[in-house]
Amino acid sequence: MVGYDPKPDGRNNTKFQVAVAGSVSGLVTRALISPFDVIKIRFQLQHERLSRSDPNAKYHGILQASRQILQEEGLTAFWKGHIPAQILSIGYGAVQFLSFEMLTELVHRGSVYDAREFSVHFVCGGLAACMATLTVHPVDVLRTRFAAQGEPKVYNTLRHAVGTMYRSEGPQVFYKGLAPTLIAIFPYAGLQFSCYSSLKHLYKWAMPAEGKKNENLQNLLCGSGAGVISKTLTYPLDLFKKRLQVGGFEHARAAFGQVHRYKGLRDCAKQVLQKEGALGFFKGLSPSLLKAALSTGFMFFWYEFFCNVFHCMNRTASQR
């Protein structure tokens, strides 16, 4: 179970073990889904329609984009910005899961609410994600810049990127897109945790005979379902975040088509609606859903897996 479990036979992992499980979960998941993330970001930042009928569109489909990126930039392009992305994933996973465990335990001990309720998981999941976001947002901006740049590269190394961005745009550049990020991450993560818990209960109700026999598969499937639901409902805010994060970086985007400047979240939403239509809010949704299904599924799968490993280690140690 993800979150505090008041049952006497629940997992007794330490806070450190929870943080480690969250970090390793983030690390493994990021390495596996990085190519989908790069394609998703390219789609989100393209102002032209994702259609063959638009002659100015650089990308118009997942397979076409994959082939073009591979031909023009090589296989390593699918892991552009991977180092800052891994730093992001490791830090984010540790803070998010540790905060979630602590918040659900606080609710159980300090209120009349059941720590396993949908609403509790939604609020605690959203708050935990906001804490994690505030911690690692500068790294997320760096990851987006690396993934968004074409050839020739504007930033050669992580150190070069930090120095160049700080000198040319000031320290506030590392928190570009923070407002839409926090607005989007609360419901997104809240739905991830609450839907994951609800889908697990539904799975056990629909297939009670399975029991613990296929618990790993159950965690993977329920995590994937939670990822698809949460991403679909909050996707436009993710698109706004990406557009705002590359503000001031337009010269590196010239090779990918049109570039626009935005004054803020409201202006970004207004321009997207006026110039790209309502469907513009969902550019890159297909690779994003694929990525969300895989990333959320793997995130909960690996987190539960390592928590169970630590639980077995603790139980073995206590029996000696």
Protein backbone atom coordinates (compact mmCIF):
# COMPACT_ATOMS: atom_id res chain seq x y z
CA MET A 1 0.00 0.00 0.00
CA VAL A 2 1.18 3.54 -0.82
CA GLY A 3 0.72 5.90 2.13
CA TYR A 4 0.41 5.27 5.85
CA ASP A 5 -1.13 1.90 6.66
CA PRO A 6 -2.67 1.76 10.16
CA LYS A 7 -3.15 -2.01 10.03
CA PRO A 8 -0.90 -3.94 12.47
CA ASP A 9 0.44 -6.08 9.61
CA GLY A 10 1.23 -3.04 7.48
CA ARG A 11 4.74 -2.23 6.27
CA ASN A 12 7.07 -0.85 8.93
CA ASN A 13 9.59 0.89 6.69
CA THR A 14 11.68 3.72 8.09
CA LYS A 15 11.43 7.23 6.65
CA PHE A 16 14.87 6.78 5.11
CA GLN A 17 13.78 3.56 3.37
CA VAL A 18 10.68 5.31 2.02
CA ALA A 19 12.87 8.09 0.58
CA VAL A 20 15.29 5.58 -0.97
CA ALA A 21 12.42 3.58 -2.51
CA GLY A 22 11.00 6.80 -3.99
CA SER A 23 14.42 7.83 -5.36
CA VAL A 24 15.17 4.47 -6.99
CA SER A 25 11.65 4.33 -8.39
CA GLY A 26 12.20 7.73 -10.01
CA LEU A 27 15.64 6.80 -11.36
CA VAL A 28 14.57 3.56 -13.04
CA THR A 29 11.35 5.02 -14.40
CA ARG A 30 13.08 8.08 -15.89
CA ALA A 31 15.64 5.97 -17.75
CA LEU A 32 12.88 3.89 -19.34
CA ILE A 33 10.51 6.67 -20.42
CA SER A 34 12.94 9.43 -21.47
CA PRO A 35 12.35 8.98 -25.26
CA PHE A 36 8.59 9.55 -24.82
CA ASP A 37 9.31 12.65 -22.76
CA VAL A 38 11.52 14.17 -25.46
CA ILE A 39 8.88 13.56 -28.16
CA LYS A 40 6.14 14.96 -25.90
CA ILE A 41 8.11 18.15 -25.23
CA ARG A 42 8.84 18.63 -28.96
CA PHE A 43 5.10 18.29 -29.71
CA GLN A 44 4.14 20.69 -26.93
CA LEU A 45 6.53 23.36 -28.13
CA GLN A 46 5.52 23.14 -31.81
CA HIS A 47 3.10 25.94 -32.71
CA GLU A 48 2.09 24.46 -36.08
CA ARG A 49 -0.61 21.81 -36.18
CA LEU A 50 0.50 18.22 -35.65
CA SER A 51 -0.72 17.23 -39.09
CA ARG A 52 0.67 16.20 -42.48
CA SER A 53 -1.65 18.79 -44.04
CA ASP A 54 0.39 21.63 -42.52
CA PRO A 55 3.52 22.06 -44.71
CA ASN A 56 5.29 24.05 -41.98
CA ALA A 57 4.85 21.36 -39.31
CA LYS A 58 8.12 19.64 -38.43
CA TYR A 59 6.44 16.83 -36.50
CA HIS A 60 3.02 15.28 -37.10
CA GLY A 61 3.08 11.86 -35.45
CA ILE A 62 4.94 9.75 -32.90
CA LEU A 63 6.59 7.39 -35.41
CA GLN A 64 7.43 10.22 -37.85
CA ALA A 65 8.90 12.33 -35.04
CA SER A 66 10.92 9.37 -33.77
CA ARG A 67 12.39 8.71 -37.22
CA GLN A 68 13.17 12.38 -37.84
CA ILE A 69 14.84 12.92 -34.46
CA LEU A 70 16.87 9.74 -34.98
CA GLN A 71 17.99 10.80 -38.48
CA GLU A 72 18.81 14.41 -37.62
CA GLU A 73 20.20 14.12 -34.09
CA GLY A 74 21.06 10.47 -33.49
CA LEU A 75 19.92 7.96 -30.87
CA THR A 76 21.29 9.99 -27.96
CA ALA A 77 18.76 12.76 -28.73
CA PHE A 78 16.09 10.66 -27.01
CA TRP A 79 18.03 11.09 -23.77
CA LYS A 80 18.74 14.81 -24.16
CA GLY A 81 18.76 16.44 -20.76
CA HIS A 82 18.92 13.01 -19.13
CA ILE A 83 21.35 14.03 -16.37
CA PRO A 84 19.19 16.90 -15.07
CA ALA A 85 16.15 14.68 -15.63
CA GLN A 86 17.66 11.98 -13.41
CA ILE A 87 18.55 14.51 -10.72
CA LEU A 88 14.96 15.71 -10.99
CA SER A 89 13.49 12.20 -10.75
CA ILE A 90 15.65 11.07 -7.84
CA GLY A 91 14.99 14.20 -5.79
CA TYR A 92 11.33 14.42 -6.74
CA GLY A 93 10.64 10.76 -5.99
CA ALA A 94 12.26 10.95 -2.56
CA VAL A 95 10.47 14.14 -1.46
CA GLN A 96 7.10 13.16 -2.95
CA PHE A 97 6.78 9.69 -1.45
CA LEU A 98 8.29 10.66 1.89
CA SER A 99 5.95 13.67 2.15
CA PHE A 100 2.97 11.52 1.17
CA GLU A 101 3.75 8.90 3.82
CA MET A 102 4.21 11.58 6.49
CA LEU A 103 1.07 13.52 5.52
CA THR A 104 -1.18 10.43 5.48
CA GLU A 105 0.24 9.38 8.86
CA LEU A 106 -0.44 12.89 10.19
CA VAL A 107 -4.06 12.69 8.97
CA HIS A 108 -4.50 9.30 10.64
CA ARG A 109 -3.06 10.41 13.97
CA GLY A 110 -4.44 13.94 14.09
CA SER A 111 -7.93 13.75 12.58
CA VAL A 112 -11.07 11.62 12.34
CA TYR A 113 -10.49 10.88 8.64
CA ASP A 114 -9.42 7.48 7.36
CA ALA A 115 -5.93 7.87 5.87
CA ARG A 116 -6.93 5.50 3.06
CA GLU A 117 -9.90 7.54 1.76
CA PHE A 118 -9.93 8.89 -1.82
CA SER A 119 -10.15 12.52 -0.67
CA VAL A 120 -7.28 12.13 1.80
CA HIS A 121 -5.03 10.57 -0.84
CA PHE A 122 -6.00 13.33 -3.28
CA VAL A 123 -5.12 16.18 -0.92
CA CYS A 124 -2.01 14.53 0.53
CA GLY A 125 -0.80 13.48 -2.93
CA GLY A 126 -1.25 17.02 -4.26
CA LEU A 127 0.54 18.61 -1.30
CA ALA A 128 3.39 16.09 -1.48
CA ALA A 129 3.89 16.84 -5.17
CA CYS A 130 3.92 20.59 -4.52
CA MET A 131 6.64 20.12 -1.91
CA ALA A 132 8.66 18.03 -4.34
CA THR A 133 8.13 20.56 -7.14
CA LEU A 134 9.39 23.49 -5.08
CA THR A 135 12.49 21.44 -4.29
CA VAL A 136 13.44 20.40 -7.83
CA HIS A 137 11.81 22.96 -10.18
CA PRO A 138 15.14 24.56 -11.25
CA VAL A 139 16.29 21.15 -12.48
CA ASP A 140 13.01 20.72 -14.40
CA VAL A 141 13.67 24.00 -16.24
CA LEU A 142 17.17 22.77 -17.17
CA ARG A 143 15.77 19.43 -18.37
CA THR A 144 13.20 21.20 -20.56
CA ARG A 145 15.85 23.47 -22.10
CA PHE A 146 18.09 20.50 -22.94
CA ALA A 147 15.24 18.47 -24.41
CA ALA A 148 13.95 21.43 -26.43
CA GLN A 149 17.20 22.53 -28.10
CA GLY A 150 18.02 21.35 -31.59
CA GLU A 151 21.29 21.44 -33.52
CA PRO A 152 23.62 23.25 -33.12
CA LYS A 153 23.31 23.02 -29.37
CA VAL A 154 22.98 26.16 -27.28
CA TYR A 155 24.04 24.39 -24.08
CA ASN A 156 26.85 21.84 -24.19
CA THR A 157 26.96 20.78 -20.55
CA LEU A 158 24.86 21.17 -17.42
CA ARG A 159 27.39 23.61 -15.95
CA HIS A 160 27.42 25.64 -19.16
CA ALA A 161 23.61 25.79 -19.17
CA VAL A 162 23.39 26.98 -15.55
CA GLY A 163 26.02 29.69 -16.13
CA THR A 164 24.58 30.91 -19.42
CA MET A 165 20.99 31.01 -18.17
CA TYR A 166 21.96 32.82 -14.96
CA ARG A 167 24.03 35.46 -16.78
CA SER A 168 21.56 36.10 -19.62
CA GLU A 169 18.20 35.77 -17.82
CA GLY A 170 18.90 36.14 -14.10
CA PRO A 171 18.17 33.78 -11.18
CA GLN A 172 14.39 33.94 -11.76
CA VAL A 173 14.86 31.88 -14.94
CA PHE A 174 15.13 28.72 -12.80
CA TYR A 175 11.56 29.21 -11.60
CA LYS A 176 9.96 29.99 -14.96
CA GLY A 177 6.66 28.20 -15.32
CA LEU A 178 6.38 27.60 -11.55
CA ALA A 179 2.82 28.95 -11.24
CA PRO A 180 1.25 26.66 -13.88
CA THR A 181 3.43 23.83 -12.60
CA LEU A 182 2.03 24.10 -9.07
CA ILE A 183 -1.51 24.64 -10.37
CA ALA A 184 -1.20 21.54 -12.57
CA ILE A 185 0.78 19.30 -10.24
CA PHE A 186 -1.65 19.43 -7.31
CA PRO A 187 -4.64 17.87 -9.12
CA TYR A 188 -2.37 15.69 -11.30
CA ALA A 189 -0.51 14.07 -8.40
CA GLY A 190 -3.62 14.08 -6.26
CA LEU A 191 -5.44 12.09 -8.93
CA GLN A 192 -2.44 9.80 -9.37
CA PHE A 193 -2.41 8.74 -5.73
CA SER A 194 -6.19 8.67 -5.20
CA CYS A 195 -6.94 6.87 -8.48
CA TYR A 196 -4.15 4.37 -7.86
CA SER A 197 -5.63 3.49 -4.48
CA SER A 198 -9.17 3.31 -5.88
CA LEU A 199 -8.12 1.19 -8.87
CA LYS A 200 -6.34 -1.24 -6.55
CA HIS A 201 -9.53 -1.64 -4.50
CA LEU A 202 -11.51 -2.11 -7.72
CA TYR A 203 -9.00 -4.68 -8.99
CA LYS A 204 -9.27 -6.68 -5.75
CA TRP A 205 -13.06 -6.49 -5.88
CA ALA A 206 -13.21 -7.58 -9.54
CA MET A 207 -10.65 -10.38 -9.18
CA PRO A 208 -10.60 -11.47 -5.54
CA ALA A 209 -9.18 -14.88 -6.42
CA GLU A 210 -5.95 -13.29 -7.61
CA GLY A 211 -5.06 -12.20 -4.07
CA LYS A 212 -1.37 -11.44 -3.70
CA LYS A 213 -0.47 -13.86 -6.49
CA ASN A 214 -0.13 -11.11 -9.12
CA GLU A 215 0.47 -8.12 -6.85
CA ASN A 216 3.27 -6.71 -9.02
CA LEU A 217 1.09 -6.85 -12.15
CA GLN A 218 -1.75 -5.27 -10.19
CA ASN A 219 0.50 -2.38 -9.10
CA LEU A 220 1.69 -1.84 -12.68
CA LEU A 221 -1.79 -1.89 -14.24
CA CYS A 222 -3.41 0.28 -11.58
CA GLY A 223 -0.52 2.75 -11.76
CA SER A 224 -0.85 2.95 -15.54
CA GLY A 225 -4.59 3.56 -15.31
CA ALA A 226 -4.08 6.27 -12.69
CA GLY A 227 -1.48 7.93 -14.94
CA VAL A 228 -3.80 8.05 -17.98
CA ILE A 229 -6.73 9.47 -15.98
CA SER A 230 -4.70 12.14 -14.20
CA LYS A 231 -2.75 13.23 -17.30
CA THR A 232 -5.84 13.57 -19.50
CA LEU A 233 -7.64 15.77 -16.97
CA THR A 234 -4.70 18.12 -16.33
CA TYR A 235 -2.85 18.12 -19.68
CA PRO A 236 -3.43 21.75 -20.83
CA LEU A 237 -1.62 23.10 -17.76
CA ASP A 238 1.38 20.90 -18.54
CA LEU A 239 1.50 22.39 -22.04
CA PHE A 240 1.40 25.95 -20.66
CA LYS A 241 4.23 25.09 -18.27
CA LYS A 242 6.47 23.86 -21.08
CA ARG A 243 5.75 26.90 -23.27
CA LEU A 244 6.60 29.28 -20.42
CA GLN A 245 9.76 27.40 -19.43
CA VAL A 246 11.37 28.03 -22.83
CA GLY A 247 10.60 31.74 -22.77
CA GLY A 248 13.77 33.68 -23.64
CA PHE A 249 15.06 30.59 -25.43
CA GLU A 250 13.29 31.29 -28.74
CA HIS A 251 16.49 31.53 -30.84
CA ALA A 252 17.18 27.85 -30.20
CA ARG A 253 13.66 26.94 -31.33
CA ALA A 254 13.89 28.54 -34.80
CA ALA A 255 14.72 25.23 -36.49
CA PHE A 256 11.45 23.73 -35.23
CA GLY A 257 9.06 26.31 -36.74
CA GLN A 258 7.23 29.36 -35.39
CA VAL A 259 8.14 30.89 -32.05
CA HIS A 260 5.94 32.98 -29.76
CA ARG A 261 6.52 35.03 -26.65
CA TYR A 262 4.19 34.90 -23.67
CA LYS A 263 3.72 37.40 -20.86
CA GLY A 264 2.39 34.86 -18.40
CA LEU A 265 -0.02 31.97 -17.87
CA ARG A 266 -3.16 33.86 -18.95
CA ASP A 267 -1.47 35.28 -22.06
CA CYS A 268 -0.14 31.84 -22.97
CA ALA A 269 -3.59 30.26 -22.72
CA LYS A 270 -5.13 33.11 -24.73
CA GLN A 271 -2.55 32.91 -27.54
CA VAL A 272 -2.78 29.13 -27.82
CA LEU A 273 -6.58 29.31 -28.09
CA GLN A 274 -6.50 32.15 -30.66
CA LYS A 275 -3.72 30.82 -32.88
CA GLU A 276 -3.99 27.04 -32.48
CA GLY A 277 -7.59 26.48 -31.46
CA ALA A 278 -8.95 24.40 -28.58
CA LEU A 279 -7.07 21.34 -29.86
CA GLY A 280 -3.85 23.28 -29.29
CA PHE A 281 -4.32 22.70 -25.56
CA PHE A 282 -3.83 18.99 -26.18
CA LYS A 283 -0.81 18.99 -28.51
CA GLY A 284 1.42 16.06 -27.68
CA LEU A 285 -1.34 14.28 -25.75
CA SER A 286 -0.81 10.90 -27.46
CA PRO A 287 2.89 10.49 -26.51
CA SER A 288 2.09 12.10 -23.17
CA LEU A 289 -0.59 9.50 -22.38
CA LEU A 290 1.75 6.71 -23.42
CA LYS A 291 4.45 8.22 -21.24
CA ALA A 292 2.02 8.77 -18.34
CA ALA A 293 0.81 5.18 -18.46
CA LEU A 294 4.36 3.84 -18.44
CA SER A 295 5.87 6.34 -16.01
CA THR A 296 3.09 6.20 -13.40
CA GLY A 297 2.81 2.44 -13.73
CA PHE A 298 6.54 1.98 -13.28
CA MET A 299 6.68 4.61 -10.51
CA PHE A 300 4.18 2.79 -8.29
CA PHE A 301 5.46 -0.64 -9.36
CA TRP A 302 9.07 0.07 -8.39
CA TYR A 303 8.13 2.01 -5.27
CA GLU A 304 5.95 -0.84 -3.95
CA PHE A 305 8.60 -3.37 -4.99
CA PHE A 306 11.43 -1.69 -3.08
CA CYS A 307 9.21 -0.96 -0.07
CA ASN A 308 8.35 -4.67 0.06
CA VAL A 309 12.05 -5.54 -0.18
CA PHE A 310 12.84 -3.22 2.74
CA HIS A 311 9.88 -4.63 4.69
CA CYS A 312 11.18 -8.19 4.25
CA MET A 313 14.65 -7.08 5.32
CA ASN A 314 13.26 -5.38 8.44
CA ARG A 315 11.16 -8.42 9.35
CA THR A 316 14.10 -10.76 8.90
CA ALA A 317 16.32 -8.52 11.04
CA SER A 318 13.71 -8.34 13.83
CA GLN A 319 13.41 -12.14 13.97
CA ARG A 320 17.11 -12.67 14.59
